[in-house]
Amino acid sequence: MKSMIRVRMSMQDAHYGGNLVDGAKMLQLFGDVATELLIRQDGDEGLFVAYESVEFKAPVYAGDFIEAVGEIIETGNSSRKMIFEARKVIVPRPDISDSACDVLDEPIVVCKAAGTCVVPKNKQRNKGE
């Protein structure tokens, strides 16, 4: 099962000089993707308990459109192992005008992660679906 969200980074997301977005924002997006995956599979939001790995691959800036995708790769009794990838798909072009943007021919991977979520057995409502 896979899930995807796409959002535009705003000036409020910019945390550092040059309108650089804090990498923690990608983890927030992965949390939202994980929540949707758990709801679809188990009928419950569950809890994110750990990241096994996080790799920041490229910078993200205010104005960038980020696509975050995730997939459940292993299901235990209550644990759900997932992998995530965030990709930059649209970038602003302030060199052209204040509202110009380009859709990238090839998305740029900005972050990859793997993590584990838990849905307690007594909260799993979609068993066998």
N, C-alpha and C. Protein backbone atom coordinates (compact mmCIF):
# COMPACT_ATOMS: atom_id res chain seq x y z
N MET A 1 0.85 -1.17 0.00
CA MET A 1 0.00 0.00 0.00
C MET A 1 0.90 1.24 0.00
N LYS A 2 0.55 2.21 -0.84
CA LYS A 2 1.32 3.44 -0.95
C LYS A 2 0.43 4.65 -0.70
N SER A 3 1.06 5.76 -0.32
CA SER A 3 0.34 7.02 -0.13
C SER A 3 1.24 8.15 -0.58
N MET A 4 0.62 9.29 -1.00
CA MET A 4 1.39 10.44 -1.47
C MET A 4 0.65 11.72 -1.11
N ILE A 5 1.42 12.74 -0.71
CA ILE A 5 0.88 14.08 -0.55
C ILE A 5 1.81 15.04 -1.27
N ARG A 6 1.27 16.17 -1.70
CA ARG A 6 2.07 17.19 -2.36
C ARG A 6 1.72 18.53 -1.74
N VAL A 7 2.74 19.26 -1.30
CA VAL A 7 2.52 20.56 -0.67
C VAL A 7 3.58 21.55 -1.14
N ARG A 8 3.23 22.83 -1.04
CA ARG A 8 4.18 23.88 -1.37
C ARG A 8 4.76 24.43 -0.08
N MET A 9 6.06 24.54 -0.03
CA MET A 9 6.73 25.12 1.12
C MET A 9 6.51 26.63 1.10
N SER A 10 6.11 27.18 2.22
CA SER A 10 5.82 28.61 2.30
C SER A 10 6.96 29.36 2.97
N MET A 11 6.84 30.66 3.00
CA MET A 11 7.83 31.46 3.71
C MET A 11 7.80 31.14 5.20
N GLN A 12 6.66 30.71 5.71
CA GLN A 12 6.57 30.32 7.12
C GLN A 12 7.36 29.05 7.40
N ASP A 13 7.57 28.22 6.37
CA ASP A 13 8.36 27.00 6.52
C ASP A 13 9.85 27.29 6.49
N ALA A 14 10.23 28.44 5.91
CA ALA A 14 11.65 28.81 5.82
C ALA A 14 12.16 29.12 7.23
N HIS A 15 13.27 28.50 7.58
CA HIS A 15 13.78 28.62 8.94
C HIS A 15 15.19 29.22 8.96
N TYR A 16 15.87 29.16 7.86
CA TYR A 16 17.26 29.60 7.79
C TYR A 16 17.44 30.64 6.70
N GLY A 17 18.63 31.25 6.66
CA GLY A 17 18.94 32.23 5.65
C GLY A 17 18.75 31.68 4.24
N GLY A 18 18.43 32.57 3.31
CA GLY A 18 18.22 32.16 1.93
C GLY A 18 16.92 31.41 1.73
N ASN A 19 15.98 31.53 2.68
CA ASN A 19 14.67 30.86 2.61
C ASN A 19 14.77 29.34 2.64
N LEU A 20 15.82 28.81 3.28
CA LEU A 20 16.01 27.37 3.42
C LEU A 20 15.02 26.81 4.43
N VAL A 21 14.37 25.70 4.06
CA VAL A 21 13.38 25.04 4.91
C VAL A 21 14.08 24.02 5.81
N ASP A 22 13.68 23.99 7.06
CA ASP A 22 14.22 23.04 8.04
C ASP A 22 13.93 21.61 7.59
N GLY A 23 14.92 20.73 7.66
CA GLY A 23 14.72 19.34 7.27
C GLY A 23 13.63 18.64 8.06
N ALA A 24 13.37 19.10 9.27
CA ALA A 24 12.31 18.50 10.08
C ALA A 24 10.95 18.60 9.39
N LYS A 25 10.79 19.55 8.49
CA LYS A 25 9.54 19.68 7.76
C LYS A 25 9.28 18.43 6.91
N MET A 26 10.34 17.82 6.37
CA MET A 26 10.17 16.60 5.59
C MET A 26 9.68 15.47 6.49
N LEU A 27 10.20 15.42 7.73
CA LEU A 27 9.76 14.39 8.66
C LEU A 27 8.29 14.59 9.04
N GLN A 28 7.86 15.84 9.13
CA GLN A 28 6.45 16.13 9.39
C GLN A 28 5.59 15.59 8.25
N LEU A 29 6.04 15.81 7.01
CA LEU A 29 5.30 15.28 5.86
C LEU A 29 5.26 13.76 5.89
N PHE A 30 6.38 13.12 6.24
CA PHE A 30 6.40 11.66 6.33
C PHE A 30 5.43 11.18 7.41
N GLY A 31 5.32 11.91 8.51
CA GLY A 31 4.36 11.57 9.56
C GLY A 31 2.93 11.61 9.05
N ASP A 32 2.62 12.61 8.22
CA ASP A 32 1.28 12.70 7.64
C ASP A 32 1.01 11.55 6.68
N VAL A 33 2.01 11.19 5.88
CA VAL A 33 1.88 10.05 4.96
C VAL A 33 1.67 8.76 5.77
N ALA A 34 2.46 8.59 6.82
CA ALA A 34 2.33 7.39 7.66
C ALA A 34 0.94 7.30 8.27
N THR A 35 0.42 8.42 8.74
CA THR A 35 -0.91 8.42 9.33
C THR A 35 -1.96 7.96 8.33
N GLU A 36 -1.88 8.47 7.10
CA GLU A 36 -2.84 8.03 6.09
C GLU A 36 -2.71 6.53 5.82
N LEU A 37 -1.48 6.05 5.70
CA LEU A 37 -1.27 4.62 5.45
C LEU A 37 -1.89 3.77 6.57
N LEU A 38 -1.68 4.19 7.81
CA LEU A 38 -2.22 3.42 8.93
C LEU A 38 -3.74 3.45 8.96
N ILE A 39 -4.32 4.61 8.67
CA ILE A 39 -5.78 4.70 8.63
C ILE A 39 -6.33 3.79 7.54
N ARG A 40 -5.71 3.80 6.37
CA ARG A 40 -6.18 2.95 5.27
C ARG A 40 -6.04 1.47 5.61
N GLN A 41 -4.94 1.10 6.27
CA GLN A 41 -4.73 -0.32 6.55
C GLN A 41 -5.46 -0.78 7.81
N ASP A 42 -5.44 0.04 8.86
CA ASP A 42 -5.92 -0.42 10.16
C ASP A 42 -7.14 0.33 10.70
N GLY A 43 -7.54 1.42 10.04
CA GLY A 43 -8.67 2.18 10.57
C GLY A 43 -8.32 2.98 11.81
N ASP A 44 -7.02 3.23 12.03
CA ASP A 44 -6.57 3.96 13.20
C ASP A 44 -5.29 4.71 12.85
N GLU A 45 -5.10 5.88 13.47
CA GLU A 45 -3.92 6.69 13.18
C GLU A 45 -2.62 6.07 13.67
N GLY A 46 -2.67 5.23 14.68
CA GLY A 46 -1.47 4.61 15.21
C GLY A 46 -0.50 5.63 15.77
N LEU A 47 0.73 5.18 16.03
CA LEU A 47 1.77 6.02 16.60
C LEU A 47 3.08 5.77 15.86
N PHE A 48 3.77 6.84 15.53
CA PHE A 48 5.11 6.72 14.94
C PHE A 48 6.07 6.53 16.09
N VAL A 49 6.80 5.42 16.11
CA VAL A 49 7.67 5.14 17.26
C VAL A 49 9.15 5.36 16.99
N ALA A 50 9.60 5.24 15.75
CA ALA A 50 11.04 5.40 15.51
C ALA A 50 11.34 5.56 14.03
N TYR A 51 12.38 6.33 13.77
CA TYR A 51 13.00 6.34 12.44
C TYR A 51 14.25 5.49 12.55
N GLU A 52 14.40 4.55 11.62
CA GLU A 52 15.62 3.75 11.57
C GLU A 52 16.70 4.49 10.79
N SER A 53 16.28 5.29 9.81
CA SER A 53 17.24 6.06 9.02
C SER A 53 16.57 7.29 8.44
N VAL A 54 17.35 8.35 8.31
CA VAL A 54 16.91 9.59 7.66
C VAL A 54 18.11 10.12 6.89
N GLU A 55 17.92 10.40 5.60
CA GLU A 55 18.99 10.96 4.77
C GLU A 55 18.47 12.21 4.08
N PHE A 56 19.11 13.34 4.36
CA PHE A 56 18.78 14.57 3.65
C PHE A 56 19.68 14.66 2.43
N LYS A 57 19.07 14.74 1.25
CA LYS A 57 19.82 14.61 0.01
C LYS A 57 20.01 15.93 -0.74
N ALA A 58 19.10 16.89 -0.57
CA ALA A 58 19.16 18.16 -1.30
C ALA A 58 18.39 19.21 -0.51
N PRO A 59 18.75 20.48 -0.66
CA PRO A 59 18.04 21.54 0.08
C PRO A 59 16.63 21.78 -0.45
N VAL A 60 15.78 22.26 0.45
CA VAL A 60 14.41 22.64 0.12
C VAL A 60 14.25 24.11 0.50
N TYR A 61 13.62 24.87 -0.39
CA TYR A 61 13.44 26.30 -0.18
C TYR A 61 11.96 26.67 -0.21
N ALA A 62 11.64 27.81 0.42
CA ALA A 62 10.28 28.34 0.33
C ALA A 62 9.93 28.48 -1.14
N GLY A 63 8.72 28.07 -1.49
CA GLY A 63 8.26 28.12 -2.87
C GLY A 63 8.36 26.79 -3.60
N ASP A 64 9.21 25.88 -3.11
CA ASP A 64 9.32 24.56 -3.73
C ASP A 64 8.05 23.75 -3.47
N PHE A 65 7.64 22.96 -4.45
CA PHE A 65 6.57 21.98 -4.27
C PHE A 65 7.22 20.64 -3.96
N ILE A 66 6.81 20.04 -2.85
CA ILE A 66 7.39 18.77 -2.40
C ILE A 66 6.32 17.69 -2.45
N GLU A 67 6.70 16.57 -3.03
CA GLU A 67 5.85 15.38 -3.09
C GLU A 67 6.44 14.38 -2.11
N ALA A 68 5.67 13.98 -1.11
CA ALA A 68 6.14 12.99 -0.13
C ALA A 68 5.36 11.70 -0.34
N VAL A 69 6.09 10.61 -0.49
CA VAL A 69 5.47 9.31 -0.73
C VAL A 69 5.93 8.33 0.34
N GLY A 70 5.08 7.37 0.64
CA GLY A 70 5.43 6.35 1.61
C GLY A 70 4.77 5.03 1.26
N GLU A 71 5.34 3.99 1.83
CA GLU A 71 4.83 2.65 1.56
C GLU A 71 5.09 1.77 2.78
N ILE A 72 4.09 0.97 3.14
CA ILE A 72 4.28 -0.06 4.17
C ILE A 72 5.00 -1.22 3.52
N ILE A 73 6.15 -1.58 4.07
CA ILE A 73 6.94 -2.66 3.47
C ILE A 73 6.93 -3.94 4.30
N GLU A 74 6.49 -3.82 5.56
CA GLU A 74 6.44 -5.01 6.41
C GLU A 74 5.38 -4.79 7.49
N THR A 75 4.56 -5.81 7.71
CA THR A 75 3.49 -5.72 8.70
C THR A 75 3.68 -6.81 9.75
N GLY A 76 3.82 -6.39 11.01
CA GLY A 76 3.88 -7.32 12.13
C GLY A 76 2.53 -7.37 12.82
N ASN A 77 2.50 -7.92 14.04
CA ASN A 77 1.24 -7.98 14.80
C ASN A 77 0.67 -6.59 15.03
N SER A 78 1.54 -5.66 15.43
CA SER A 78 1.09 -4.29 15.64
C SER A 78 2.03 -3.28 14.98
N SER A 79 3.20 -3.71 14.55
CA SER A 79 4.16 -2.80 13.93
C SER A 79 3.99 -2.74 12.42
N ARG A 80 4.31 -1.59 11.87
CA ARG A 80 4.25 -1.35 10.43
C ARG A 80 5.54 -0.66 10.03
N LYS A 81 6.40 -1.36 9.29
CA LYS A 81 7.63 -0.74 8.80
C LYS A 81 7.34 -0.04 7.49
N MET A 82 7.88 1.18 7.37
CA MET A 82 7.58 2.00 6.20
C MET A 82 8.85 2.63 5.65
N ILE A 83 8.79 2.93 4.36
CA ILE A 83 9.85 3.71 3.72
C ILE A 83 9.20 4.97 3.13
N PHE A 84 10.00 6.04 3.08
CA PHE A 84 9.51 7.33 2.62
C PHE A 84 10.52 7.98 1.69
N GLU A 85 10.00 8.82 0.80
CA GLU A 85 10.85 9.63 -0.06
C GLU A 85 10.14 10.95 -0.32
N ALA A 86 10.89 12.05 -0.19
CA ALA A 86 10.37 13.38 -0.52
C ALA A 86 11.11 13.88 -1.74
N ARG A 87 10.33 14.41 -2.70
CA ARG A 87 10.92 14.87 -3.96
C ARG A 87 10.45 16.28 -4.27
N LYS A 88 11.37 17.09 -4.74
CA LYS A 88 11.04 18.43 -5.21
C LYS A 88 10.56 18.28 -6.65
N VAL A 89 9.32 18.77 -6.94
CA VAL A 89 8.74 18.58 -8.27
C VAL A 89 8.53 19.89 -9.03
N ILE A 90 8.42 21.00 -8.30
CA ILE A 90 8.25 22.33 -8.91
C ILE A 90 9.12 23.30 -8.14
N VAL A 91 9.79 24.20 -8.86
CA VAL A 91 10.64 25.21 -8.22
C VAL A 91 10.25 26.61 -8.69
N PRO A 92 10.35 27.60 -7.80
CA PRO A 92 10.08 28.97 -8.22
C PRO A 92 11.21 29.50 -9.10
N ARG A 93 10.89 30.46 -9.96
CA ARG A 93 11.88 31.08 -10.84
C ARG A 93 11.86 32.60 -10.68
N PRO A 94 12.34 33.10 -9.54
CA PRO A 94 12.32 34.55 -9.30
C PRO A 94 13.20 35.33 -10.28
N ASP A 95 14.10 34.63 -10.97
CA ASP A 95 14.95 35.29 -11.97
C ASP A 95 14.13 35.71 -13.19
N ILE A 96 12.96 35.08 -13.38
CA ILE A 96 12.08 35.41 -14.51
C ILE A 96 11.03 36.42 -14.08
N SER A 97 10.31 36.09 -13.00
CA SER A 97 9.33 37.01 -12.42
C SER A 97 8.99 36.51 -11.02
N ASP A 98 8.25 37.33 -10.26
CA ASP A 98 7.94 36.95 -8.89
C ASP A 98 6.92 35.81 -8.80
N SER A 99 6.29 35.44 -9.93
CA SER A 99 5.32 34.35 -9.90
C SER A 99 5.65 33.20 -10.86
N ALA A 100 6.83 33.23 -11.48
CA ALA A 100 7.21 32.18 -12.42
C ALA A 100 7.69 30.94 -11.66
N CYS A 101 7.36 29.76 -12.19
CA CYS A 101 7.79 28.48 -11.63
C CYS A 101 8.05 27.51 -12.77
N ASP A 102 8.87 26.52 -12.51
CA ASP A 102 9.14 25.46 -13.47
C ASP A 102 8.79 24.11 -12.87
N VAL A 103 8.12 23.28 -13.66
CA VAL A 103 7.93 21.87 -13.32
C VAL A 103 9.22 21.17 -13.73
N LEU A 104 9.82 20.45 -12.81
CA LEU A 104 11.08 19.76 -13.10
C LEU A 104 10.83 18.54 -13.98
N ASP A 105 11.68 18.37 -15.00
CA ASP A 105 11.58 17.18 -15.85
C ASP A 105 11.80 15.92 -15.03
N GLU A 106 12.77 15.99 -14.13
CA GLU A 106 13.07 14.88 -13.22
C GLU A 106 12.98 15.41 -11.80
N PRO A 107 12.09 14.85 -10.96
CA PRO A 107 12.04 15.30 -9.57
C PRO A 107 13.40 15.12 -8.89
N ILE A 108 13.67 15.99 -7.93
CA ILE A 108 14.91 15.92 -7.16
C ILE A 108 14.60 15.30 -5.80
N VAL A 109 15.22 14.17 -5.48
CA VAL A 109 15.01 13.54 -4.18
C VAL A 109 15.69 14.41 -3.13
N VAL A 110 14.90 14.88 -2.16
CA VAL A 110 15.44 15.76 -1.12
C VAL A 110 15.61 15.04 0.21
N CYS A 111 14.88 13.95 0.44
CA CYS A 111 14.99 13.22 1.70
C CYS A 111 14.48 11.80 1.52
N LYS A 112 15.15 10.87 2.20
CA LYS A 112 14.70 9.48 2.27
C LYS A 112 14.71 9.06 3.73
N ALA A 113 13.77 8.18 4.09
CA ALA A 113 13.73 7.72 5.48
C ALA A 113 13.06 6.35 5.55
N ALA A 114 13.32 5.67 6.66
CA ALA A 114 12.64 4.42 6.99
C ALA A 114 12.24 4.52 8.44
N GLY A 115 11.05 4.02 8.76
CA GLY A 115 10.57 4.13 10.13
C GLY A 115 9.56 3.07 10.47
N THR A 116 9.20 3.05 11.76
CA THR A 116 8.24 2.07 12.25
C THR A 116 7.13 2.77 13.00
N CYS A 117 5.91 2.35 12.71
CA CYS A 117 4.73 2.82 13.41
C CYS A 117 4.08 1.61 14.09
N VAL A 118 3.26 1.90 15.09
CA VAL A 118 2.56 0.84 15.81
C VAL A 118 1.07 1.18 15.90
N VAL A 119 0.26 0.16 15.62
CA VAL A 119 -1.19 0.26 15.85
C VAL A 119 -1.53 -0.87 16.83
N PRO A 120 -1.86 -0.52 18.08
CA PRO A 120 -2.19 -1.57 19.05
C PRO A 120 -3.29 -2.49 18.51
N LYS A 121 -3.18 -3.77 18.82
CA LYS A 121 -4.12 -4.76 18.27
C LYS A 121 -5.57 -4.40 18.56
N ASN A 122 -5.85 -3.83 19.74
CA ASN A 122 -7.23 -3.50 20.09
C ASN A 122 -7.76 -2.29 19.32
N LYS A 123 -6.92 -1.63 18.54
CA LYS A 123 -7.35 -0.50 17.73
C LYS A 123 -7.36 -0.81 16.23
N GLN A 124 -6.95 -2.01 15.86
CA GLN A 124 -6.93 -2.41 14.46
C GLN A 124 -8.35 -2.82 14.06
N ARG A 125 -8.97 -2.00 13.21
CA ARG A 125 -10.37 -2.25 12.83
C ARG A 125 -10.52 -2.89 11.46
N ASN A 126 -9.51 -2.84 10.62
CA ASN A 126 -9.64 -3.30 9.24
C ASN A 126 -8.93 -4.64 9.02
N LYS A 127 -9.02 -5.52 9.97
CA LYS A 127 -8.34 -6.81 9.86
C LYS A 127 -8.84 -7.61 8.68
N GLY A 128 -7.89 -8.06 7.88
CA GLY A 128 -8.24 -8.90 6.74
C GLY A 128 -8.75 -8.17 5.52
N GLU A 129 -8.76 -6.84 5.54
CA GLU A 129 -9.26 -6.10 4.36
C GLU A 129 -8.13 -5.79 3.43
